[in-house]
């Protein structure tokens, strides 16, 4: 069974900073993969514990998608989508 998706309010501004083909790929490929198998990706630790990170590469650039899972509601809550550079520092500020 696939999970439903919900988004942090700042995800919209994250996506505006990315190239259109990358955003299209995120929606067409990566979000569906995460919704089907949300527990397969890297679990974060420390201050980011409880979140997971999905990694992909396009045109030699590394990207990350951070999310948390509410298994009781069957919801994946997307926290951030961006290039890897400074990703985790920005995510910490967003969550704290």
N, C-alpha and C. Protein backbone atom coordinates (compact mmCIF):
# COMPACT_ATOMS: atom_id res chain seq x y z
N UNK A 1 0.84 -1.19 0.00
CA UNK A 1 0.00 0.00 0.00
C UNK A 1 0.87 1.25 0.00
N UNK A 2 0.54 2.17 -0.83
CA UNK A 2 1.29 3.41 -0.95
C UNK A 2 0.85 4.42 0.13
N UNK A 3 1.77 5.24 0.53
CA UNK A 3 1.50 6.28 1.51
C UNK A 3 0.99 7.54 0.80
N UNK A 4 0.35 8.43 1.54
CA UNK A 4 -0.07 9.73 1.02
C UNK A 4 1.06 10.71 1.26
N UNK A 5 1.06 11.80 0.51
CA UNK A 5 2.11 12.80 0.67
C UNK A 5 1.56 14.11 1.21
N UNK A 6 2.36 14.73 2.09
CA UNK A 6 2.10 16.07 2.62
C UNK A 6 3.43 16.81 2.57
N UNK A 7 3.35 18.15 2.53
CA UNK A 7 4.56 18.95 2.31
C UNK A 7 4.69 20.07 3.33
N UNK A 8 5.93 20.29 3.76
CA UNK A 8 6.26 21.45 4.59
C UNK A 8 5.98 22.70 3.75
N UNK A 9 5.52 23.80 4.36
CA UNK A 9 5.21 25.00 3.57
C UNK A 9 6.38 25.56 2.76
N UNK A 10 7.61 25.31 3.18
CA UNK A 10 8.77 25.86 2.46
C UNK A 10 9.23 24.99 1.29
N UNK A 11 8.64 23.82 1.10
CA UNK A 11 9.04 22.95 -0.01
C UNK A 11 8.77 23.65 -1.34
N UNK A 12 7.70 24.41 -1.42
CA UNK A 12 7.37 25.14 -2.65
C UNK A 12 8.52 26.09 -3.04
N UNK A 13 9.07 26.81 -2.07
CA UNK A 13 10.19 27.71 -2.37
C UNK A 13 11.47 26.93 -2.68
N UNK A 14 11.62 25.73 -2.07
CA UNK A 14 12.76 24.87 -2.40
C UNK A 14 12.74 24.53 -3.89
N UNK A 15 11.57 24.13 -4.38
CA UNK A 15 11.43 23.68 -5.77
C UNK A 15 11.63 24.82 -6.76
N UNK A 16 11.29 26.04 -6.38
CA UNK A 16 11.49 27.19 -7.27
C UNK A 16 12.97 27.44 -7.54
N UNK A 17 13.83 26.99 -6.63
CA UNK A 17 15.27 27.19 -6.78
C UNK A 17 15.93 26.14 -7.68
N UNK A 18 15.18 25.10 -8.01
CA UNK A 18 15.73 24.01 -8.83
C UNK A 18 15.32 24.16 -10.29
N UNK A 19 16.11 23.55 -11.18
CA UNK A 19 15.79 23.57 -12.61
C UNK A 19 14.50 22.80 -12.86
N UNK A 20 13.73 23.23 -13.85
CA UNK A 20 12.44 22.60 -14.16
C UNK A 20 12.56 21.10 -14.45
N UNK A 21 13.56 20.64 -15.22
CA UNK A 21 13.67 19.20 -15.45
C UNK A 21 13.90 18.40 -14.17
N UNK A 22 14.61 18.98 -13.22
CA UNK A 22 14.85 18.29 -11.94
C UNK A 22 13.54 18.20 -11.15
N UNK A 23 12.79 19.29 -11.13
CA UNK A 23 11.50 19.29 -10.43
C UNK A 23 10.56 18.27 -11.05
N UNK A 24 10.54 18.22 -12.37
CA UNK A 24 9.69 17.25 -13.06
C UNK A 24 10.09 15.82 -12.68
N UNK A 25 11.39 15.56 -12.64
CA UNK A 25 11.87 14.22 -12.27
C UNK A 25 11.51 13.89 -10.82
N UNK A 26 11.61 14.88 -9.94
CA UNK A 26 11.24 14.66 -8.54
C UNK A 26 9.80 14.18 -8.45
N UNK A 27 8.90 14.87 -9.14
CA UNK A 27 7.48 14.51 -9.09
C UNK A 27 7.17 13.22 -9.86
N UNK A 28 7.81 13.03 -11.00
CA UNK A 28 7.49 11.87 -11.84
C UNK A 28 8.12 10.57 -11.35
N UNK A 29 9.26 10.65 -10.69
CA UNK A 29 10.01 9.44 -10.33
C UNK A 29 10.21 9.29 -8.83
N UNK A 30 10.84 10.26 -8.22
CA UNK A 30 11.37 10.09 -6.86
C UNK A 30 10.29 10.10 -5.78
N UNK A 31 9.32 10.97 -5.87
CA UNK A 31 8.28 11.01 -4.85
C UNK A 31 7.50 9.69 -4.85
N UNK A 32 7.22 9.16 -6.04
CA UNK A 32 6.51 7.87 -6.12
C UNK A 32 7.32 6.75 -5.47
N UNK A 33 8.63 6.74 -5.70
CA UNK A 33 9.49 5.72 -5.08
C UNK A 33 9.45 5.81 -3.57
N UNK A 34 9.52 7.03 -3.06
CA UNK A 34 9.50 7.23 -1.61
C UNK A 34 8.15 6.81 -1.03
N UNK A 35 7.07 7.17 -1.71
CA UNK A 35 5.74 6.82 -1.20
C UNK A 35 5.50 5.31 -1.19
N UNK A 36 6.11 4.60 -2.13
CA UNK A 36 5.96 3.15 -2.16
C UNK A 36 6.80 2.44 -1.10
N UNK A 37 8.01 2.97 -0.85
CA UNK A 37 8.95 2.34 0.08
C UNK A 37 9.61 3.41 0.97
N UNK A 38 8.87 3.99 1.91
CA UNK A 38 9.43 5.10 2.70
C UNK A 38 10.51 4.71 3.71
N UNK A 39 10.63 3.43 4.03
CA UNK A 39 11.58 3.02 5.07
C UNK A 39 12.89 2.48 4.50
N UNK A 40 13.09 2.57 3.19
CA UNK A 40 14.27 2.01 2.54
C UNK A 40 15.46 2.97 2.61
N UNK A 41 15.23 4.26 2.70
CA UNK A 41 16.29 5.26 2.58
C UNK A 41 17.02 5.51 3.90
N UNK A 42 18.04 6.35 3.83
CA UNK A 42 18.92 6.62 4.97
C UNK A 42 18.17 7.32 6.10
N UNK A 43 18.22 6.73 7.30
CA UNK A 43 17.66 7.38 8.49
C UNK A 43 18.68 8.36 9.03
N UNK A 44 18.24 9.57 9.31
CA UNK A 44 19.14 10.59 9.84
C UNK A 44 19.23 10.42 11.36
N UNK A 45 20.29 10.98 11.94
CA UNK A 45 20.49 10.85 13.38
C UNK A 45 20.88 12.19 13.97
N UNK A 46 21.10 12.20 15.26
CA UNK A 46 21.42 13.45 15.95
C UNK A 46 20.19 14.34 16.02
N UNK A 47 20.37 15.62 15.71
CA UNK A 47 19.26 16.58 15.76
C UNK A 47 18.20 16.29 14.71
N UNK A 48 18.55 15.53 13.69
CA UNK A 48 17.61 15.23 12.61
C UNK A 48 16.97 13.85 12.76
N UNK A 49 17.13 13.23 13.92
CA UNK A 49 16.57 11.90 14.14
C UNK A 49 15.06 11.92 13.94
N UNK A 50 14.56 10.87 13.31
CA UNK A 50 13.14 10.79 13.00
C UNK A 50 12.85 11.18 11.56
N UNK A 51 13.87 11.67 10.87
CA UNK A 51 13.74 12.03 9.46
C UNK A 51 14.57 11.06 8.62
N UNK A 52 14.24 11.00 7.35
CA UNK A 52 15.00 10.17 6.40
C UNK A 52 15.46 11.03 5.25
N UNK A 53 16.49 10.56 4.56
CA UNK A 53 17.05 11.29 3.43
C UNK A 53 17.12 10.38 2.21
N UNK A 54 16.57 10.87 1.11
CA UNK A 54 16.59 10.16 -0.17
C UNK A 54 17.57 10.89 -1.07
N UNK A 55 18.47 10.16 -1.72
CA UNK A 55 19.52 10.77 -2.54
C UNK A 55 19.31 10.40 -4.01
N UNK A 56 19.56 11.37 -4.89
CA UNK A 56 19.62 11.08 -6.32
C UNK A 56 20.55 12.08 -6.99
N UNK A 57 20.95 11.73 -8.20
CA UNK A 57 21.89 12.56 -8.95
C UNK A 57 21.33 12.80 -10.34
N UNK A 58 21.47 14.04 -10.80
CA UNK A 58 21.05 14.40 -12.16
C UNK A 58 22.07 15.40 -12.71
N UNK A 59 22.57 15.13 -13.88
CA UNK A 59 23.55 16.01 -14.54
C UNK A 59 24.74 16.32 -13.63
N UNK A 60 25.26 15.30 -12.96
CA UNK A 60 26.44 15.39 -12.09
C UNK A 60 26.22 16.27 -10.86
N UNK A 61 24.96 16.50 -10.48
CA UNK A 61 24.64 17.28 -9.29
C UNK A 61 23.88 16.36 -8.34
N UNK A 62 24.30 16.37 -7.06
CA UNK A 62 23.63 15.55 -6.05
C UNK A 62 22.47 16.32 -5.43
N UNK A 63 21.36 15.63 -5.26
CA UNK A 63 20.16 16.22 -4.66
C UNK A 63 19.72 15.36 -3.48
N UNK A 64 18.98 15.98 -2.56
CA UNK A 64 18.46 15.29 -1.39
C UNK A 64 16.99 15.65 -1.21
N UNK A 65 16.23 14.68 -0.72
CA UNK A 65 14.85 14.89 -0.31
C UNK A 65 14.75 14.39 1.11
N UNK A 66 14.39 15.28 2.04
CA UNK A 66 14.23 14.90 3.44
C UNK A 66 12.74 14.76 3.75
N UNK A 67 12.42 13.74 4.53
CA UNK A 67 11.02 13.49 4.86
C UNK A 67 10.92 12.73 6.17
N UNK A 68 9.73 12.75 6.73
CA UNK A 68 9.43 11.92 7.90
C UNK A 68 8.18 11.12 7.59
N UNK A 69 8.01 10.01 8.31
CA UNK A 69 6.90 9.10 8.04
C UNK A 69 6.02 8.99 9.27
N UNK A 70 4.73 9.16 9.06
CA UNK A 70 3.74 8.89 10.11
C UNK A 70 3.05 7.59 9.71
N UNK A 71 3.56 6.49 10.25
CA UNK A 71 3.09 5.17 9.84
C UNK A 71 1.63 4.93 10.24
N UNK A 72 1.21 5.51 11.36
CA UNK A 72 -0.17 5.30 11.81
C UNK A 72 -1.18 5.95 10.86
N UNK A 73 -0.82 7.08 10.27
CA UNK A 73 -1.70 7.77 9.30
C UNK A 73 -1.38 7.40 7.86
N UNK A 74 -0.29 6.65 7.65
CA UNK A 74 0.19 6.30 6.30
C UNK A 74 0.48 7.56 5.48
N UNK A 75 1.25 8.48 6.10
CA UNK A 75 1.59 9.75 5.45
C UNK A 75 3.10 9.93 5.45
N UNK A 76 3.63 10.37 4.32
CA UNK A 76 5.02 10.81 4.21
C UNK A 76 4.99 12.33 4.15
N UNK A 77 5.65 12.97 5.12
CA UNK A 77 5.68 14.42 5.21
C UNK A 77 7.03 14.90 4.67
N UNK A 78 7.02 15.53 3.49
CA UNK A 78 8.24 15.99 2.87
C UNK A 78 8.67 17.30 3.51
N UNK A 79 9.91 17.32 4.00
CA UNK A 79 10.44 18.45 4.75
C UNK A 79 11.24 19.42 3.89
N UNK A 80 12.01 18.86 2.94
CA UNK A 80 12.91 19.72 2.15
C UNK A 80 13.37 18.98 0.91
N UNK A 81 13.53 19.72 -0.19
CA UNK A 81 14.05 19.18 -1.45
C UNK A 81 15.03 20.20 -2.00
N UNK A 82 16.29 19.78 -2.15
CA UNK A 82 17.30 20.75 -2.58
C UNK A 82 18.57 20.04 -3.03
N UNK A 83 19.51 20.85 -3.55
CA UNK A 83 20.84 20.34 -3.85
C UNK A 83 21.52 19.95 -2.55
N UNK A 84 22.50 19.08 -2.63
CA UNK A 84 23.15 18.56 -1.44
C UNK A 84 23.92 19.63 -0.67
N UNK A 85 24.44 20.61 -1.36
CA UNK A 85 25.26 21.64 -0.72
C UNK A 85 24.49 22.35 0.40
N UNK A 86 25.00 22.31 1.60
CA UNK A 86 24.41 22.92 2.80
C UNK A 86 23.03 22.37 3.15
N UNK A 87 22.66 21.25 2.57
CA UNK A 87 21.32 20.69 2.76
C UNK A 87 21.00 20.44 4.23
N UNK A 88 21.90 19.76 4.92
CA UNK A 88 21.61 19.35 6.29
C UNK A 88 21.62 20.52 7.27
N UNK A 89 22.45 21.52 7.03
CA UNK A 89 22.46 22.71 7.88
C UNK A 89 21.15 23.48 7.74
N UNK A 90 20.67 23.62 6.51
CA UNK A 90 19.40 24.31 6.26
C UNK A 90 18.25 23.51 6.86
N UNK A 91 18.29 22.20 6.72
CA UNK A 91 17.25 21.34 7.28
C UNK A 91 17.18 21.46 8.80
N UNK A 92 18.34 21.51 9.45
CA UNK A 92 18.36 21.68 10.92
C UNK A 92 17.68 22.98 11.32
N UNK A 93 17.99 24.07 10.62
CA UNK A 93 17.36 25.36 10.94
C UNK A 93 15.86 25.30 10.70
N UNK A 94 15.44 24.60 9.68
CA UNK A 94 14.03 24.50 9.35
C UNK A 94 13.26 23.72 10.42
N UNK A 95 13.89 22.71 10.99
CA UNK A 95 13.19 21.86 11.95
C UNK A 95 13.27 22.34 13.39
N UNK A 96 14.26 23.17 13.70
CA UNK A 96 14.42 23.60 15.10
C UNK A 96 13.81 24.94 15.37
